[in-house]
């Protein structure tokens, strides 16, 4: 699931977050943890607000972004977010998350939600996204190994999510 290499699965069906073995501050320039990896002091909510219920998953729709939105608002309010590698999260994972149809849907939904949070104003997608989409479609047509087919299907879904994220406006 967390394989490396040219045809690795991403976004991973089960998020993995590591910034190494030392505690460091999370900034706008570091990777950001998902909501399941956060411990939040109650007073932070009064300062930056709660997680957006408009952005969170609903039923089988995994479009999220509420955690990314919360982290970005927290950092914008100059609140320190600390990465602590000694904290370990155990999480039950349903095997359905590893089915190809679910991997494709998750790839689309997570990228859509990330784009909605990162680009809250409606705009036209940059031209390179269309080129990227057509390159992935062409590569899928000549892929004969399952690892490549899975990779390109997920990349196509992710790119479509990114394009739609530009065209849709962020829920308020």
N, C-alpha and C. Protein backbone atom coordinates (compact mmCIF):
# COMPACT_ATOMS: atom_id res chain seq x y z
N UNK A 1 0.81 -1.19 0.00
CA UNK A 1 0.00 0.00 0.00
C UNK A 1 0.86 1.26 0.00
N UNK A 2 1.93 1.25 0.73
CA UNK A 2 2.81 2.41 0.77
C UNK A 2 4.07 2.15 -0.04
N UNK A 3 3.91 1.40 -1.12
CA UNK A 3 5.05 1.07 -1.98
C UNK A 3 5.61 2.34 -2.62
N UNK A 4 6.87 2.30 -2.89
CA UNK A 4 7.54 3.40 -3.56
C UNK A 4 7.77 3.02 -5.01
N UNK A 5 8.18 3.96 -5.81
CA UNK A 5 8.50 3.66 -7.19
C UNK A 5 7.59 4.41 -8.15
N UNK A 6 7.82 4.17 -9.40
CA UNK A 6 7.15 4.91 -10.47
C UNK A 6 5.63 4.73 -10.46
N UNK A 7 5.13 3.54 -10.10
CA UNK A 7 3.70 3.26 -10.19
C UNK A 7 3.07 3.04 -8.82
N UNK A 8 3.55 3.77 -7.81
CA UNK A 8 3.02 3.62 -6.46
C UNK A 8 1.57 4.15 -6.40
N UNK A 9 0.84 3.66 -5.42
CA UNK A 9 -0.53 4.07 -5.20
C UNK A 9 -0.52 5.38 -4.42
N UNK A 10 -1.13 6.41 -4.99
CA UNK A 10 -1.32 7.66 -4.25
C UNK A 10 -2.50 8.42 -4.85
N UNK A 11 -3.31 9.06 -4.05
CA UNK A 11 -3.19 9.07 -2.60
C UNK A 11 -3.43 7.68 -2.03
N UNK A 12 -2.74 7.38 -0.96
CA UNK A 12 -2.82 6.05 -0.35
C UNK A 12 -4.23 5.82 0.20
N UNK A 13 -4.74 4.59 0.09
CA UNK A 13 -6.07 4.30 0.61
C UNK A 13 -6.16 4.46 2.12
N UNK A 14 -5.04 4.35 2.79
CA UNK A 14 -4.96 4.60 4.22
C UNK A 14 -3.82 5.61 4.39
N UNK A 15 -4.16 6.86 4.74
CA UNK A 15 -3.11 7.87 4.83
C UNK A 15 -2.00 7.48 5.79
N UNK A 16 -0.80 7.86 5.44
CA UNK A 16 0.39 7.63 6.24
C UNK A 16 1.07 8.97 6.40
N UNK A 17 1.46 9.31 7.62
CA UNK A 17 2.07 10.61 7.84
C UNK A 17 3.32 10.44 8.69
N UNK A 18 4.44 10.88 8.17
CA UNK A 18 5.70 10.85 8.92
C UNK A 18 6.58 11.99 8.44
N UNK A 19 7.14 12.70 9.39
CA UNK A 19 8.12 13.74 9.08
C UNK A 19 9.47 13.40 9.70
N UNK A 20 9.67 12.12 10.00
CA UNK A 20 10.94 11.70 10.56
C UNK A 20 10.85 11.37 12.03
N UNK A 21 12.01 11.26 12.67
CA UNK A 21 12.11 10.80 14.05
C UNK A 21 12.23 11.93 15.07
N UNK A 22 12.25 13.19 14.60
CA UNK A 22 12.38 14.31 15.53
C UNK A 22 11.11 15.15 15.52
N UNK A 23 10.76 15.69 16.68
CA UNK A 23 9.62 16.60 16.77
C UNK A 23 9.98 17.90 16.06
N UNK A 24 9.06 18.37 15.22
CA UNK A 24 9.26 19.64 14.51
C UNK A 24 7.93 20.38 14.43
N UNK A 25 8.02 21.66 14.14
CA UNK A 25 6.81 22.47 13.96
C UNK A 25 6.28 22.26 12.54
N UNK A 26 4.96 22.15 12.44
CA UNK A 26 4.30 22.10 11.14
C UNK A 26 4.17 23.54 10.66
N UNK A 27 4.51 23.78 9.41
CA UNK A 27 4.41 25.11 8.83
C UNK A 27 3.63 25.03 7.52
N UNK A 28 3.45 26.16 6.88
CA UNK A 28 2.82 26.16 5.57
C UNK A 28 3.66 25.36 4.57
N UNK A 29 4.98 25.26 4.81
CA UNK A 29 5.89 24.62 3.86
C UNK A 29 6.15 23.14 4.13
N UNK A 30 5.66 22.59 5.25
CA UNK A 30 5.83 21.16 5.51
C UNK A 30 4.59 20.42 5.05
N UNK A 31 4.69 19.10 4.99
CA UNK A 31 3.48 18.30 4.76
C UNK A 31 2.57 18.46 5.96
N UNK A 32 1.27 18.33 5.72
CA UNK A 32 0.29 18.50 6.80
C UNK A 32 -0.36 17.17 7.13
N UNK A 33 -0.57 16.91 8.42
CA UNK A 33 -1.22 15.65 8.81
C UNK A 33 -2.71 15.67 8.47
N UNK A 34 -3.30 14.48 8.40
CA UNK A 34 -4.75 14.40 8.23
C UNK A 34 -5.40 14.56 9.60
N UNK A 35 -6.71 14.75 9.61
CA UNK A 35 -7.43 15.00 10.85
C UNK A 35 -7.29 13.90 11.88
N UNK A 36 -7.18 12.65 11.42
CA UNK A 36 -7.04 11.53 12.34
C UNK A 36 -5.73 11.55 13.09
N UNK A 37 -4.79 12.37 12.67
CA UNK A 37 -3.49 12.44 13.31
C UNK A 37 -3.34 13.70 14.16
N UNK A 38 -4.44 14.34 14.50
CA UNK A 38 -4.37 15.59 15.26
C UNK A 38 -4.86 15.41 16.69
N UNK A 39 -4.19 16.07 17.59
CA UNK A 39 -4.65 16.24 18.96
C UNK A 39 -4.75 17.74 19.13
N UNK A 40 -5.94 18.24 19.47
CA UNK A 40 -6.19 19.68 19.49
C UNK A 40 -6.65 20.11 20.89
N UNK A 41 -6.01 21.13 21.42
CA UNK A 41 -6.47 21.72 22.68
C UNK A 41 -7.80 22.43 22.42
N UNK A 42 -8.71 22.32 23.35
CA UNK A 42 -10.06 22.88 23.21
C UNK A 42 -10.04 24.38 22.89
N UNK A 43 -9.13 25.13 23.51
CA UNK A 43 -9.12 26.58 23.30
C UNK A 43 -8.76 26.98 21.86
N UNK A 44 -8.12 26.08 21.12
CA UNK A 44 -7.78 26.36 19.72
C UNK A 44 -9.07 26.55 18.90
N UNK A 45 -10.10 25.75 19.20
CA UNK A 45 -11.35 25.85 18.46
C UNK A 45 -11.99 27.23 18.62
N UNK A 46 -11.87 27.82 19.79
CA UNK A 46 -12.45 29.16 19.98
C UNK A 46 -11.63 30.21 19.23
N UNK A 47 -10.37 29.90 18.97
CA UNK A 47 -9.52 30.86 18.27
C UNK A 47 -9.66 30.76 16.75
N UNK A 48 -9.74 29.54 16.20
CA UNK A 48 -9.73 29.38 14.74
C UNK A 48 -11.02 28.76 14.19
N UNK A 49 -11.92 28.34 15.07
CA UNK A 49 -13.15 27.70 14.61
C UNK A 49 -13.00 26.18 14.58
N UNK A 50 -14.07 25.51 14.27
CA UNK A 50 -14.07 24.04 14.25
C UNK A 50 -13.82 23.53 12.84
N UNK A 51 -13.83 22.21 12.71
CA UNK A 51 -13.70 21.58 11.39
C UNK A 51 -14.96 21.87 10.59
N UNK A 52 -14.82 22.19 9.33
CA UNK A 52 -15.96 22.50 8.47
C UNK A 52 -16.77 21.24 8.17
N UNK A 53 -18.06 21.28 8.50
CA UNK A 53 -18.93 20.15 8.17
C UNK A 53 -19.32 20.17 6.69
N UNK A 54 -19.14 21.30 6.04
CA UNK A 54 -19.40 21.38 4.60
C UNK A 54 -18.34 20.63 3.80
N UNK A 55 -17.13 20.59 4.30
CA UNK A 55 -16.03 19.95 3.59
C UNK A 55 -15.84 18.48 3.95
N UNK A 56 -16.37 18.05 5.06
CA UNK A 56 -16.11 16.69 5.54
C UNK A 56 -16.81 15.61 4.74
N UNK A 57 -16.37 14.35 4.91
CA UNK A 57 -17.00 13.22 4.23
C UNK A 57 -18.46 13.09 4.62
N UNK A 58 -19.25 12.63 3.65
CA UNK A 58 -20.67 12.41 3.88
C UNK A 58 -21.02 11.03 3.33
N UNK A 59 -21.34 10.09 4.23
CA UNK A 59 -21.66 8.74 3.79
C UNK A 59 -20.48 8.08 3.10
N UNK A 60 -20.69 7.57 1.89
CA UNK A 60 -19.62 6.93 1.13
C UNK A 60 -18.81 7.94 0.32
N UNK A 61 -19.22 9.19 0.34
CA UNK A 61 -18.50 10.23 -0.37
C UNK A 61 -17.35 10.69 0.52
N UNK A 62 -16.13 10.41 0.09
CA UNK A 62 -14.97 10.71 0.92
C UNK A 62 -14.37 12.08 0.66
N UNK A 63 -15.09 12.93 -0.11
CA UNK A 63 -14.56 14.27 -0.30
C UNK A 63 -14.43 14.88 1.08
N UNK A 64 -13.26 15.28 1.41
CA UNK A 64 -13.00 15.81 2.75
C UNK A 64 -12.43 17.19 2.65
N UNK A 65 -11.27 17.38 3.20
CA UNK A 65 -10.61 18.67 3.17
C UNK A 65 -10.82 19.47 4.44
N UNK A 66 -11.72 18.98 5.32
CA UNK A 66 -11.98 19.71 6.55
C UNK A 66 -10.73 19.78 7.42
N UNK A 67 -9.90 18.74 7.37
CA UNK A 67 -8.67 18.74 8.16
C UNK A 67 -7.65 19.71 7.58
N UNK A 68 -7.49 19.71 6.25
CA UNK A 68 -6.55 20.65 5.61
C UNK A 68 -6.99 22.09 5.85
N UNK A 69 -8.28 22.34 5.70
CA UNK A 69 -8.82 23.67 5.94
C UNK A 69 -8.54 24.11 7.38
N UNK A 70 -8.78 23.22 8.34
CA UNK A 70 -8.54 23.54 9.75
C UNK A 70 -7.06 23.84 10.00
N UNK A 71 -6.17 23.04 9.45
CA UNK A 71 -4.73 23.26 9.64
C UNK A 71 -4.30 24.58 9.03
N UNK A 72 -4.78 24.89 7.84
CA UNK A 72 -4.42 26.16 7.19
C UNK A 72 -4.93 27.36 8.00
N UNK A 73 -6.15 27.27 8.53
CA UNK A 73 -6.68 28.35 9.37
C UNK A 73 -5.89 28.47 10.67
N UNK A 74 -5.48 27.34 11.22
CA UNK A 74 -4.70 27.34 12.46
C UNK A 74 -3.34 27.99 12.24
N UNK A 75 -2.67 27.62 11.15
CA UNK A 75 -1.38 28.23 10.84
C UNK A 75 -1.53 29.72 10.55
N UNK A 76 -2.60 30.10 9.84
CA UNK A 76 -2.83 31.52 9.53
C UNK A 76 -3.06 32.34 10.79
N UNK A 77 -3.57 31.70 11.85
CA UNK A 77 -3.80 32.39 13.13
C UNK A 77 -2.55 32.38 14.00
N UNK A 78 -1.42 31.96 13.44
CA UNK A 78 -0.14 31.90 14.15
C UNK A 78 -0.17 30.98 15.36
N UNK A 79 -0.94 29.92 15.27
CA UNK A 79 -0.97 28.90 16.31
C UNK A 79 0.05 27.83 15.93
N UNK A 80 0.86 27.42 16.89
CA UNK A 80 1.89 26.41 16.64
C UNK A 80 1.27 25.03 16.54
N UNK A 81 1.64 24.31 15.50
CA UNK A 81 1.25 22.91 15.34
C UNK A 81 2.54 22.11 15.41
N UNK A 82 2.58 21.14 16.30
CA UNK A 82 3.79 20.36 16.55
C UNK A 82 3.64 18.93 16.03
N UNK A 83 4.63 18.46 15.29
CA UNK A 83 4.70 17.06 14.88
C UNK A 83 5.46 16.31 15.97
N UNK A 84 4.85 15.25 16.51
CA UNK A 84 5.48 14.46 17.57
C UNK A 84 5.50 13.01 17.10
N UNK A 85 6.67 12.49 16.70
CA UNK A 85 6.74 11.15 16.11
C UNK A 85 6.45 10.02 17.08
N UNK A 86 6.51 10.26 18.38
CA UNK A 86 6.28 9.19 19.36
C UNK A 86 4.80 8.82 19.49
N UNK A 87 3.91 9.66 18.98
CA UNK A 87 2.48 9.35 19.05
C UNK A 87 2.13 8.42 17.90
N UNK A 88 1.54 7.30 18.22
CA UNK A 88 1.18 6.30 17.21
C UNK A 88 -0.33 6.16 17.18
N UNK A 89 -0.89 6.17 15.98
CA UNK A 89 -2.33 6.00 15.80
C UNK A 89 -2.58 4.61 15.22
N UNK A 90 -3.48 3.86 15.85
CA UNK A 90 -3.92 2.58 15.32
C UNK A 90 -5.31 2.77 14.76
N UNK A 91 -5.55 2.24 13.58
CA UNK A 91 -6.81 2.50 12.89
C UNK A 91 -7.25 1.25 12.16
N UNK A 92 -8.50 0.81 12.40
CA UNK A 92 -9.04 -0.32 11.66
C UNK A 92 -9.26 0.09 10.21
N UNK A 93 -8.89 -0.77 9.29
CA UNK A 93 -9.05 -0.48 7.88
C UNK A 93 -9.88 -1.58 7.23
N UNK A 94 -11.03 -1.20 6.67
CA UNK A 94 -11.88 -2.13 5.95
C UNK A 94 -11.19 -2.50 4.63
N UNK A 95 -11.17 -3.78 4.29
CA UNK A 95 -10.48 -4.23 3.08
C UNK A 95 -11.08 -3.65 1.80
N UNK A 96 -12.31 -3.15 1.85
CA UNK A 96 -12.92 -2.55 0.66
C UNK A 96 -12.10 -1.35 0.18
N UNK A 97 -11.36 -0.73 1.07
CA UNK A 97 -10.53 0.42 0.69
C UNK A 97 -9.46 0.06 -0.34
N UNK A 98 -9.17 -1.23 -0.48
CA UNK A 98 -8.11 -1.65 -1.39
C UNK A 98 -8.63 -2.13 -2.74
N UNK A 99 -9.96 -2.12 -2.93
CA UNK A 99 -10.53 -2.50 -4.22
C UNK A 99 -10.26 -1.40 -5.22
N UNK A 100 -10.05 -1.80 -6.48
CA UNK A 100 -9.69 -0.82 -7.52
C UNK A 100 -10.73 0.28 -7.64
N UNK A 101 -12.01 -0.07 -7.62
CA UNK A 101 -13.06 0.95 -7.75
C UNK A 101 -12.98 1.96 -6.62
N UNK A 102 -12.68 1.50 -5.42
CA UNK A 102 -12.56 2.41 -4.28
C UNK A 102 -11.30 3.26 -4.39
N UNK A 103 -10.21 2.68 -4.86
CA UNK A 103 -8.97 3.45 -5.04
C UNK A 103 -9.19 4.59 -6.02
N UNK A 104 -9.91 4.31 -7.10
CA UNK A 104 -10.17 5.34 -8.11
C UNK A 104 -11.07 6.44 -7.54
N UNK A 105 -12.14 6.05 -6.86
CA UNK A 105 -13.07 7.01 -6.27
C UNK A 105 -12.35 7.87 -5.22
N UNK A 106 -11.55 7.23 -4.38
CA UNK A 106 -10.81 7.96 -3.35
C UNK A 106 -9.82 8.94 -3.97
N UNK A 107 -9.15 8.52 -5.02
CA UNK A 107 -8.20 9.38 -5.70
C UNK A 107 -8.89 10.64 -6.22
N UNK A 108 -10.05 10.46 -6.83
CA UNK A 108 -10.83 11.60 -7.32
C UNK A 108 -11.27 12.49 -6.17
N UNK A 109 -11.89 11.90 -5.15
CA UNK A 109 -12.49 12.67 -4.07
C UNK A 109 -11.46 13.41 -3.23
N UNK A 110 -10.34 12.77 -2.92
CA UNK A 110 -9.33 13.45 -2.11
C UNK A 110 -8.68 14.60 -2.86
N UNK A 111 -8.43 14.41 -4.16
CA UNK A 111 -7.82 15.49 -4.93
C UNK A 111 -8.80 16.64 -5.12
N UNK A 112 -10.07 16.31 -5.35
CA UNK A 112 -11.09 17.36 -5.46
C UNK A 112 -11.14 18.17 -4.17
N UNK A 113 -11.19 17.51 -3.02
CA UNK A 113 -11.29 18.24 -1.75
C UNK A 113 -10.04 19.07 -1.49
N UNK A 114 -8.85 18.52 -1.80
CA UNK A 114 -7.62 19.29 -1.60
C UNK A 114 -7.62 20.54 -2.47
N UNK A 115 -8.07 20.40 -3.72
CA UNK A 115 -8.09 21.54 -4.63
C UNK A 115 -9.11 22.58 -4.18
N UNK A 116 -10.26 22.13 -3.68
CA UNK A 116 -11.27 23.08 -3.18
C UNK A 116 -10.72 23.89 -2.01
N UNK A 117 -9.97 23.23 -1.13
CA UNK A 117 -9.41 23.93 0.03
C UNK A 117 -8.27 24.86 -0.40
N UNK A 118 -7.44 24.40 -1.32
CA UNK A 118 -6.27 25.17 -1.74
C UNK A 118 -6.61 26.33 -2.67
N UNK A 119 -7.69 26.20 -3.44
CA UNK A 119 -8.10 27.22 -4.41
C UNK A 119 -9.57 27.54 -4.22
N UNK A 120 -9.91 28.30 -3.19
CA UNK A 120 -11.32 28.49 -2.86
C UNK A 120 -12.12 29.31 -3.87
N UNK A 121 -11.46 30.01 -4.76
CA UNK A 121 -12.18 30.81 -5.75
C UNK A 121 -12.27 30.06 -7.07
N UNK A 122 -13.42 30.17 -7.72
CA UNK A 122 -13.64 29.52 -9.01
C UNK A 122 -12.68 30.12 -10.04
N UNK A 123 -12.04 29.27 -10.83
CA UNK A 123 -11.17 29.75 -11.90
C UNK A 123 -11.02 28.64 -12.93
N UNK A 124 -10.47 28.99 -14.06
CA UNK A 124 -10.22 27.99 -15.09
C UNK A 124 -9.00 27.17 -14.70
N UNK A 125 -9.04 25.87 -14.93
CA UNK A 125 -7.86 25.05 -14.64
C UNK A 125 -6.69 25.46 -15.54
N UNK A 126 -5.48 25.44 -15.01
CA UNK A 126 -4.32 25.75 -15.85
C UNK A 126 -4.21 24.76 -17.02
N UNK A 127 -3.67 25.21 -18.12
CA UNK A 127 -3.58 24.36 -19.32
C UNK A 127 -2.78 23.07 -19.09
N UNK A 128 -1.78 23.12 -18.22
CA UNK A 128 -0.98 21.93 -18.00
C UNK A 128 -1.81 20.77 -17.45
N UNK A 129 -2.91 21.07 -16.76
CA UNK A 129 -3.76 20.00 -16.22
C UNK A 129 -4.42 19.20 -17.34
N UNK A 130 -4.82 19.89 -18.40
CA UNK A 130 -5.43 19.19 -19.53
C UNK A 130 -4.38 18.31 -20.22
N UNK A 131 -3.18 18.84 -20.37
CA UNK A 131 -2.08 18.07 -20.98
C UNK A 131 -1.78 16.84 -20.12
N UNK A 132 -1.77 17.04 -18.81
CA UNK A 132 -1.53 15.92 -17.89
C UNK A 132 -2.62 14.87 -18.04
N UNK A 133 -3.87 15.29 -18.10
CA UNK A 133 -4.99 14.36 -18.25
C UNK A 133 -4.86 13.54 -19.53
N UNK A 134 -4.60 14.20 -20.64
CA UNK A 134 -4.49 13.48 -21.92
C UNK A 134 -3.27 12.56 -21.95
N UNK A 135 -2.19 12.96 -21.29
CA UNK A 135 -1.01 12.09 -21.20
C UNK A 135 -1.33 10.82 -20.42
N UNK A 136 -2.05 10.96 -19.30
CA UNK A 136 -2.44 9.78 -18.51
C UNK A 136 -3.40 8.88 -19.29
N UNK A 137 -4.34 9.48 -20.01
CA UNK A 137 -5.27 8.67 -20.81
C UNK A 137 -4.51 7.89 -21.88
N UNK A 138 -3.62 8.55 -22.59
CA UNK A 138 -2.82 7.85 -23.61
C UNK A 138 -1.97 6.76 -22.98
N UNK A 139 -1.34 7.04 -21.86
CA UNK A 139 -0.50 6.04 -21.18
C UNK A 139 -1.33 4.84 -20.74
N UNK A 140 -2.57 5.07 -20.31
CA UNK A 140 -3.46 3.97 -19.92
C UNK A 140 -3.74 3.07 -21.11
N UNK A 141 -3.93 3.66 -22.28
CA UNK A 141 -4.26 2.89 -23.48
C UNK A 141 -3.15 1.93 -23.90
N UNK A 142 -1.91 2.25 -23.52
CA UNK A 142 -0.79 1.37 -23.89
C UNK A 142 -0.20 0.62 -22.69
N UNK A 143 -0.90 0.69 -21.56
CA UNK A 143 -0.44 -0.03 -20.36
C UNK A 143 -0.98 -1.45 -20.37
N UNK A 144 -0.12 -2.41 -20.09
CA UNK A 144 -0.55 -3.81 -20.12
C UNK A 144 -0.34 -4.53 -18.79
N UNK A 145 0.35 -3.91 -17.85
CA UNK A 145 0.54 -4.50 -16.52
C UNK A 145 -0.46 -3.86 -15.56
N UNK A 146 -0.97 -4.67 -14.64
CA UNK A 146 -1.99 -4.19 -13.71
C UNK A 146 -1.49 -3.03 -12.86
N UNK A 147 -0.22 -3.04 -12.47
CA UNK A 147 0.30 -1.93 -11.66
C UNK A 147 0.23 -0.63 -12.44
N UNK A 148 0.52 -0.68 -13.74
CA UNK A 148 0.45 0.52 -14.57
C UNK A 148 -1.00 0.94 -14.81
N UNK A 149 -1.86 -0.03 -15.07
CA UNK A 149 -3.28 0.27 -15.31
C UNK A 149 -3.88 0.94 -14.07
N UNK A 150 -3.64 0.36 -12.90
CA UNK A 150 -4.15 0.94 -11.65
C UNK A 150 -3.60 2.35 -11.47
N UNK A 151 -2.31 2.52 -11.68
CA UNK A 151 -1.67 3.82 -11.52
C UNK A 151 -2.33 4.87 -12.42
N UNK A 152 -2.48 4.56 -13.70
CA UNK A 152 -3.03 5.55 -14.63
C UNK A 152 -4.51 5.81 -14.39
N UNK A 153 -5.27 4.80 -14.00
CA UNK A 153 -6.68 5.03 -13.66
C UNK A 153 -6.79 5.98 -12.47
N UNK A 154 -5.94 5.77 -11.48
CA UNK A 154 -5.96 6.65 -10.31
C UNK A 154 -5.48 8.06 -10.67
N UNK A 155 -4.48 8.18 -11.53
CA UNK A 155 -3.98 9.50 -11.93
C UNK A 155 -5.03 10.25 -12.75
N UNK A 156 -5.76 9.52 -13.61
CA UNK A 156 -6.83 10.15 -14.38
C UNK A 156 -7.91 10.67 -13.44
N UNK A 157 -8.33 9.83 -12.50
CA UNK A 157 -9.36 10.23 -11.54
C UNK A 157 -8.89 11.44 -10.72
N UNK A 158 -7.65 11.41 -10.29
CA UNK A 158 -7.09 12.50 -9.50
C UNK A 158 -7.05 13.80 -10.31
N UNK A 159 -6.63 13.71 -11.54
CA UNK A 159 -6.55 14.90 -12.39
C UNK A 159 -7.93 15.48 -12.68
N UNK A 160 -8.91 14.61 -12.92
CA UNK A 160 -10.29 15.08 -13.12
C UNK A 160 -10.79 15.77 -11.85
N UNK A 161 -10.47 15.21 -10.68
CA UNK A 161 -10.83 15.85 -9.42
C UNK A 161 -10.20 17.22 -9.27
N UNK A 162 -8.94 17.32 -9.69
CA UNK A 162 -8.23 18.60 -9.62
C UNK A 162 -8.87 19.62 -10.55
N UNK A 163 -9.19 19.20 -11.77
CA UNK A 163 -9.83 20.11 -12.74
C UNK A 163 -11.18 20.59 -12.22
N UNK A 164 -11.99 19.66 -11.72
CA UNK A 164 -13.30 20.03 -11.18
C UNK A 164 -13.17 20.92 -9.95
N UNK A 165 -12.11 20.71 -9.16
CA UNK A 165 -11.87 21.55 -8.00
C UNK A 165 -11.63 23.01 -8.38
N UNK A 166 -11.01 23.23 -9.53
CA UNK A 166 -10.84 24.60 -10.01
C UNK A 166 -12.16 25.20 -10.47
N UNK A 167 -13.00 24.37 -11.08
CA UNK A 167 -14.24 24.87 -11.66
C UNK A 167 -15.34 25.09 -10.62
N UNK A 168 -15.28 24.34 -9.50
CA UNK A 168 -16.28 24.50 -8.45
C UNK A 168 -15.79 25.51 -7.44
N UNK A 169 -16.71 26.09 -6.71
CA UNK A 169 -16.32 27.02 -5.66
C UNK A 169 -16.35 26.27 -4.33
N UNK A 170 -15.58 26.73 -3.38
CA UNK A 170 -15.51 26.13 -2.06
C UNK A 170 -16.83 26.36 -1.34
N UNK A 171 -17.41 25.32 -0.72
CA UNK A 171 -18.63 25.52 0.06
C UNK A 171 -18.37 26.46 1.23
N UNK A 172 -19.34 27.28 1.56
CA UNK A 172 -19.17 28.21 2.68
C UNK A 172 -19.86 27.69 3.91
